[in-house]
C-alpha atoms as a PDB file:
ATOM      1  CA  MET A   1      -2.581  36.679 -22.006  1.00  0.00           C
ATOM      2  CA  ALA A   2      -5.941  35.075 -21.208  1.00  0.00           C
ATOM      3  CA  GLU A   3      -7.389  35.607 -17.771  1.00  0.00           C
ATOM      4  CA  GLU A   4      -8.062  32.520 -15.712  1.00  0.00           C
ATOM      5  CA  GLU A   5     -11.763  31.831 -15.506  1.00  0.00           C
ATOM      6  CA  ILE A   6     -13.463  31.805 -12.136  1.00  0.00           C
ATOM      7  CA  LEU A   7     -15.651  28.903 -11.044  1.00  0.00           C
ATOM      8  CA  THR A   8     -19.343  29.531 -10.873  1.00  0.00           C
ATOM      9  CA  VAL A   9     -21.153  28.524  -7.698  1.00  0.00           C
ATOM     10  CA  LYS A  10     -22.622  25.473  -9.426  1.00  0.00           C
ATOM     11  CA  GLN A  11     -19.241  24.431 -10.860  1.00  0.00           C
ATOM     12  CA  SER A  12     -17.757  24.681  -7.380  1.00  0.00           C
ATOM     13  CA  GLN A  13     -20.630  22.596  -5.986  1.00  0.00           C
ATOM     14  CA  LEU A  14     -20.122  20.101  -8.820  1.00  0.00           C
ATOM     15  CA  ILE A  15     -16.494  19.604  -7.870  1.00  0.00           C
ATOM     16  CA  GLU A  16     -17.426  19.073  -4.223  1.00  0.00           C
ATOM     17  CA  LEU A  17     -20.094  16.528  -5.192  1.00  0.00           C
ATOM     18  CA  ILE A  18     -17.693  14.605  -7.445  1.00  0.00           C
ATOM     19  CA  ILE A  19     -14.998  14.600  -4.730  1.00  0.00           C
ATOM     20  CA  ALA A  20     -17.649  13.331  -2.280  1.00  0.00           C
ATOM     21  CA  GLY A  21     -18.178  10.333  -4.571  1.00  0.00           C
ATOM     22  CA  LYS A  22     -21.230  11.326  -6.599  1.00  0.00           C
ATOM     23  CA  THR A  23     -21.383  10.370 -10.261  1.00  0.00           C
ATOM     24  CA  GLN A  24     -21.708  13.109 -12.856  1.00  0.00           C
ATOM     25  CA  GLU A  25     -25.328  12.078 -13.376  1.00  0.00           C
ATOM     26  CA  GLU A  26     -26.086  12.294  -9.635  1.00  0.00           C
ATOM     27  CA  ALA A  27     -24.343  15.662  -9.446  1.00  0.00           C
ATOM     28  CA  ALA A  28     -26.367  16.926 -12.438  1.00  0.00           C
ATOM     29  CA  THR A  29     -29.589  15.917 -10.698  1.00  0.00           C
ATOM     30  CA  THR A  30     -28.542  17.568  -7.440  1.00  0.00           C
ATOM     31  CA  LEU A  31     -27.506  20.768  -9.213  1.00  0.00           C
ATOM     32  CA  GLU A  32     -30.588  20.689 -11.427  1.00  0.00           C
ATOM     33  CA  VAL A  33     -28.565  20.923 -14.637  1.00  0.00           C
ATOM     34  CA  GLY A  34     -28.252  18.547 -17.565  1.00  0.00           C
ATOM     35  CA  ALA A  35     -25.801  15.666 -17.608  1.00  0.00           C
ATOM     36  CA  ARG A  36     -24.211  17.101 -20.769  1.00  0.00           C
ATOM     37  CA  THR A  37     -23.663  20.414 -18.986  1.00  0.00           C
ATOM     38  CA  VAL A  38     -21.844  18.627 -16.164  1.00  0.00           C
ATOM     39  CA  ALA A  39     -19.755  16.641 -18.668  1.00  0.00           C
ATOM     40  CA  ARG A  40     -18.864  19.870 -20.502  1.00  0.00           C
ATOM     41  CA  TRP A  41     -17.967  21.684 -17.260  1.00  0.00           C
ATOM     42  CA  MET A  42     -15.626  18.836 -16.291  1.00  0.00           C
ATOM     43  CA  THR A  43     -13.661  19.387 -19.527  1.00  0.00           C
ATOM     44  CA  LEU A  44     -13.098  23.107 -18.890  1.00  0.00           C
ATOM     45  CA  PRO A  45      -9.473  23.827 -17.908  1.00  0.00           C
ATOM     46  CA  HIS A  46     -10.336  25.962 -14.860  1.00  0.00           C
ATOM     47  CA  VAL A  47     -12.802  23.328 -13.592  1.00  0.00           C
ATOM     48  CA  LYS A  48     -10.271  20.525 -14.155  1.00  0.00           C
ATOM     49  CA  LYS A  49      -7.634  22.530 -12.305  1.00  0.00           C
ATOM     50  CA  ALA A  50      -9.943  23.282  -9.368  1.00  0.00           C
ATOM     51  CA  TYR A  51     -10.984  19.613  -9.234  1.00  0.00           C
ATOM     52  CA  GLU A  52      -7.365  18.388  -9.175  1.00  0.00           C
ATOM     53  CA  GLU A  53      -6.427  20.925  -6.492  1.00  0.00           C
ATOM     54  CA  LEU A  54      -9.341  19.954  -4.253  1.00  0.00           C
ATOM     55  CA  LYS A  55      -8.713  16.255  -4.830  1.00  0.00           C
ATOM     56  CA  SER A  56      -5.067  16.760  -3.867  1.00  0.00           C
ATOM     57  CA  ASP A  57      -6.034  18.747  -0.748  1.00  0.00           C
ATOM     58  CA  VAL A  58      -8.547  16.123   0.352  1.00  0.00           C
ATOM     59  CA  SER A  59      -6.056  13.343  -0.308  1.00  0.00           C
ATOM     60  CA  LEU A  60      -3.441  15.112   1.816  1.00  0.00           C
ATOM     61  CA  GLN A  61      -5.960  15.628   4.635  1.00  0.00           C
ATOM     62  CA  VAL A  62      -6.911  11.957   4.542  1.00  0.00           C
ATOM     63  CA  ARG A  63      -3.256  10.847   4.623  1.00  0.00           C
ATOM     64  CA  GLU A  64      -2.587  13.132   7.609  1.00  0.00           C
ATOM     65  CA  LYS A  65      -5.614  11.750   9.484  1.00  0.00           C
ATOM     66  CA  ILE A  66      -4.563   8.174   8.722  1.00  0.00           C
ATOM     67  CA  LYS A  67      -1.042   8.913   9.938  1.00  0.00           C
ATOM     68  CA  GLY A  68      -2.431  10.378  13.161  1.00  0.00           C
ATOM     69  CA  LEU A  69      -4.664   7.363  13.660  1.00  0.00           C
ATOM     70  CA  SER A  70      -1.791   5.006  12.806  1.00  0.00           C
ATOM     71  CA  ASP A  71       0.358   6.633  15.484  1.00  0.00           C
ATOM     72  CA  LYS A  72      -2.474   6.203  18.020  1.00  0.00           C
ATOM     73  CA  ALA A  73      -3.027   2.600  16.933  1.00  0.00           C
ATOM     74  CA  LEU A  74       0.661   1.802  17.308  1.00  0.00           C
ATOM     75  CA  ASP A  75       0.703   3.400  20.758  1.00  0.00           C
ATOM     76  CA  ALA A  76      -2.332   1.328  21.744  1.00  0.00           C
ATOM     77  CA  LEU A  77      -0.674  -1.815  20.396  1.00  0.00           C
ATOM     78  CA  LYS A  78       2.499  -1.003  22.326  1.00  0.00           C
ATOM     79  CA  ASP A  79       0.432  -0.523  25.493  1.00  0.00           C
ATOM     80  CA  SER A  80      -1.252  -3.882  24.848  1.00  0.00           C
ATOM     81  CA  LEU A  81       2.142  -5.569  24.535  1.00  0.00           C
ATOM     82  CA  GLU A  82       3.095  -4.121  27.937  1.00  0.00           C
ATOM     83  CA  CYS A  83      -0.233  -5.034  29.557  1.00  0.00           C
ATOM     84  CA  LYS A  84      -0.324  -7.247  32.671  1.00  0.00           C
ATOM     85  CA  SER A  85      -2.932  -9.535  31.147  1.00  0.00           C
ATOM     86  CA  SER A  86      -1.276 -12.505  29.464  1.00  0.00           C
ATOM     87  CA  LEU A  87      -4.233 -12.890  27.116  1.00  0.00           C
ATOM     88  CA  VAL A  88      -4.037  -9.273  25.935  1.00  0.00           C
ATOM     89  CA  LYS A  89      -0.245  -9.569  25.475  1.00  0.00           C
ATOM     90  CA  PHE A  90      -0.697 -12.808  23.533  1.00  0.00           C
ATOM     91  CA  GLN A  91      -3.391 -11.337  21.279  1.00  0.00           C
ATOM     92  CA  ALA A  92      -1.343  -8.189  20.604  1.00  0.00           C
ATOM     93  CA  SER A  93       1.779 -10.241  19.901  1.00  0.00           C
ATOM     94  CA  THR A  94      -0.128 -12.540  17.569  1.00  0.00           C
ATOM     95  CA  TYR A  95      -1.589  -9.540  15.760  1.00  0.00           C
ATOM     96  CA  VAL A  96       1.867  -8.049  15.203  1.00  0.00           C
ATOM     97  CA  LEU A  97       3.485 -11.310  14.148  1.00  0.00           C
ATOM     98  CA  GLU A  98       0.707 -12.189  11.712  1.00  0.00           C
ATOM     99  CA  ARG A  99       1.292  -8.891   9.943  1.00  0.00           C
ATOM    100  CA  VAL A 100       5.082  -8.818  10.097  1.00  0.00           C
ATOM    101  CA  ALA A 101       5.697 -12.425   9.026  1.00  0.00           C
ATOM    102  CA  PRO A 102       3.900 -12.139   5.647  1.00  0.00           C
ATOM    103  CA  ALA A 103       5.865  -8.974   4.886  1.00  0.00           C
ATOM    104  CA  GLU A 104       9.129 -10.721   5.711  1.00  0.00           C
ATOM    105  CA  LYS A 105       8.098 -13.749   3.654  1.00  0.00           C
ATOM    106  CA  GLN A 106       7.312 -11.434   0.718  1.00  0.00           C
ATOM    107  CA  THR A 107      10.758  -9.810   1.098  1.00  0.00           C
ATOM    108  CA  GLN A 108      12.417 -13.226   1.256  1.00  0.00           C
ATOM    109  CA  GLN A 109      10.489 -14.349  -1.849  1.00  0.00           C
ATOM    110  CA  SER A 110      11.631 -11.203  -3.684  1.00  0.00           C
ATOM    111  CA  GLN A 111      15.230 -11.910  -2.701  1.00  0.00           C
ATOM    112  CA  GLU A 112      14.904 -15.490  -3.950  1.00  0.00           C
ATOM    113  CA  ASP A 113      13.387 -14.210  -7.213  1.00  0.00           C
ATOM    114  CA  GLU A 114      16.463 -12.031  -7.712  1.00  0.00           C
ATOM    115  CA  ARG A 115      18.584 -15.188  -7.901  1.00  0.00           C
ATOM    116  CA  ILE A 116      16.474 -16.492 -10.772  1.00  0.00           C
ATOM    117  CA  ASP A 117      16.970 -15.157 -14.286  1.00  0.00           C
ATOM    118  CA  ALA A 118      14.731 -12.052 -14.250  1.00  0.00           C
ATOM    119  CA  ASN A 119      13.469 -12.891 -17.740  1.00  0.00           C
ATOM    120  CA  LEU A 120      12.067 -16.201 -16.475  1.00  0.00           C
ATOM    121  CA  VAL A 121      10.279 -15.043 -13.296  1.00  0.00           C
ATOM    122  CA  PRO A 122       7.173 -13.696 -15.107  1.00  0.00           C
ATOM    123  CA  TYR A 123       6.717 -17.103 -16.746  1.00  0.00           C
ATOM    124  CA  MET A 124       6.980 -19.108 -13.524  1.00  0.00           C
ATOM    125  CA  THR A 125       4.025 -20.177 -11.451  1.00  0.00           C
ATOM    126  CA  ASN A 126       3.964 -19.427  -7.735  1.00  0.00           C
ATOM    127  CA  GLU A 127       4.487 -23.121  -7.092  1.00  0.00           C
ATOM    128  CA  GLU A 128       7.608 -23.159  -9.272  1.00  0.00           C
ATOM    129  CA  ARG A 129       8.984 -20.075  -7.508  1.00  0.00           C
ATOM    130  CA  ILE A 130       8.399 -21.733  -4.129  1.00  0.00           C
ATOM    131  CA  THR A 131      10.101 -24.915  -5.364  1.00  0.00           C
ATOM    132  CA  VAL A 132      13.125 -22.919  -6.517  1.00  0.00           C
ATOM    133  CA  ALA A 133      13.196 -21.066  -3.194  1.00  0.00           C
ATOM    134  CA  ASP A 134      13.067 -24.417  -1.341  1.00  0.00           C
ATOM    135  CA  ILE A 135      15.926 -25.770  -3.452  1.00  0.00           C
ATOM    136  CA  ILE A 136      18.004 -22.660  -2.722  1.00  0.00           C
ATOM    137  CA  GLN A 137      17.219 -22.961   1.010  1.00  0.00           C
ATOM    138  CA  ARG A 138      18.261 -26.638   1.081  1.00  0.00           C
ATOM    139  CA  ALA A 139      21.472 -25.799  -0.770  1.00  0.00           C
ATOM    140  CA  LYS A 140      22.229 -23.082   1.815  1.00  0.00           C
ATOM    141  CA  GLU A 141      21.655 -25.568   4.634  1.00  0.00           C
ATOM    142  CA  ARG A 142      23.997 -28.129   3.009  1.00  0.00           C
ATOM    143  CA  LYS A 143      26.600 -25.389   2.551  1.00  0.00           C
ATOM    144  CA  VAL A 144      26.404 -24.510   6.270  1.00  0.00           C
ATOM    145  CA  GLU A 145      26.696 -28.201   7.193  1.00  0.00           C
ATOM    146  CA  ALA A 146      29.708 -28.625   4.917  1.00  0.00           C
ATOM    147  CA  GLU A 147      31.390 -25.522   6.354  1.00  0.00           C
ATOM    148  CA  GLU A 148      30.790 -26.808   9.884  1.00  0.00           C
ATOM    149  CA  LYS A 149      32.528 -30.081   8.968  1.00  0.00           C
ATOM    150  CA  ILE A 150      35.443 -28.348   7.220  1.00  0.00           C
ATOM    151  CA  THR A 151      36.089 -25.698   9.904  1.00  0.00           C
ATOM    152  CA  PRO A 152      37.397 -28.179  12.540  1.00  0.00           C
ATOM    153  CA  ILE A 153      39.657 -29.775   9.887  1.00  0.00           C
ATOM    154  CA  ARG A 154      41.091 -26.350   8.944  1.00  0.00           C
ATOM    155  CA  LYS A 155      41.762 -25.533  12.608  1.00  0.00           C
ATOM    156  CA  HIS A 156      43.818 -28.724  13.026  1.00  0.00           C
ATOM    157  CA  ALA A 157      45.750 -28.292   9.788  1.00  0.00           C
END
């Protein structure tokens, strides 16, 4: 059973530089090694593994920070919605609605797409999808109108 190799100091520094956004060439210059050496190191299994682990750790840390900031931002937005200033309330409300409405429209568009033959959707333009969605919406409205007219007749029958 082969022993797992240990990173050298320079390999460890290389990984940190790459994670920080440096190119392999920039890292080679910083570490005062050749670009081919850096390229070779990045193919070594223990270097790849260390790189992936650090990248995963950094990614997790970033997600946790973003979540913490998101919670603070939502609290601040909630406070703004409860503010006494009408202008602040209006701006906060507008901010929320501008972000919620597109998401709801996207969901509605997806639901409309489900009613269309799935094999055809990739071949439709956005304009055609909107036209189909409009047709479906008008048909729904006519259905509601027809049901409203029929309901009183059914009650009297």
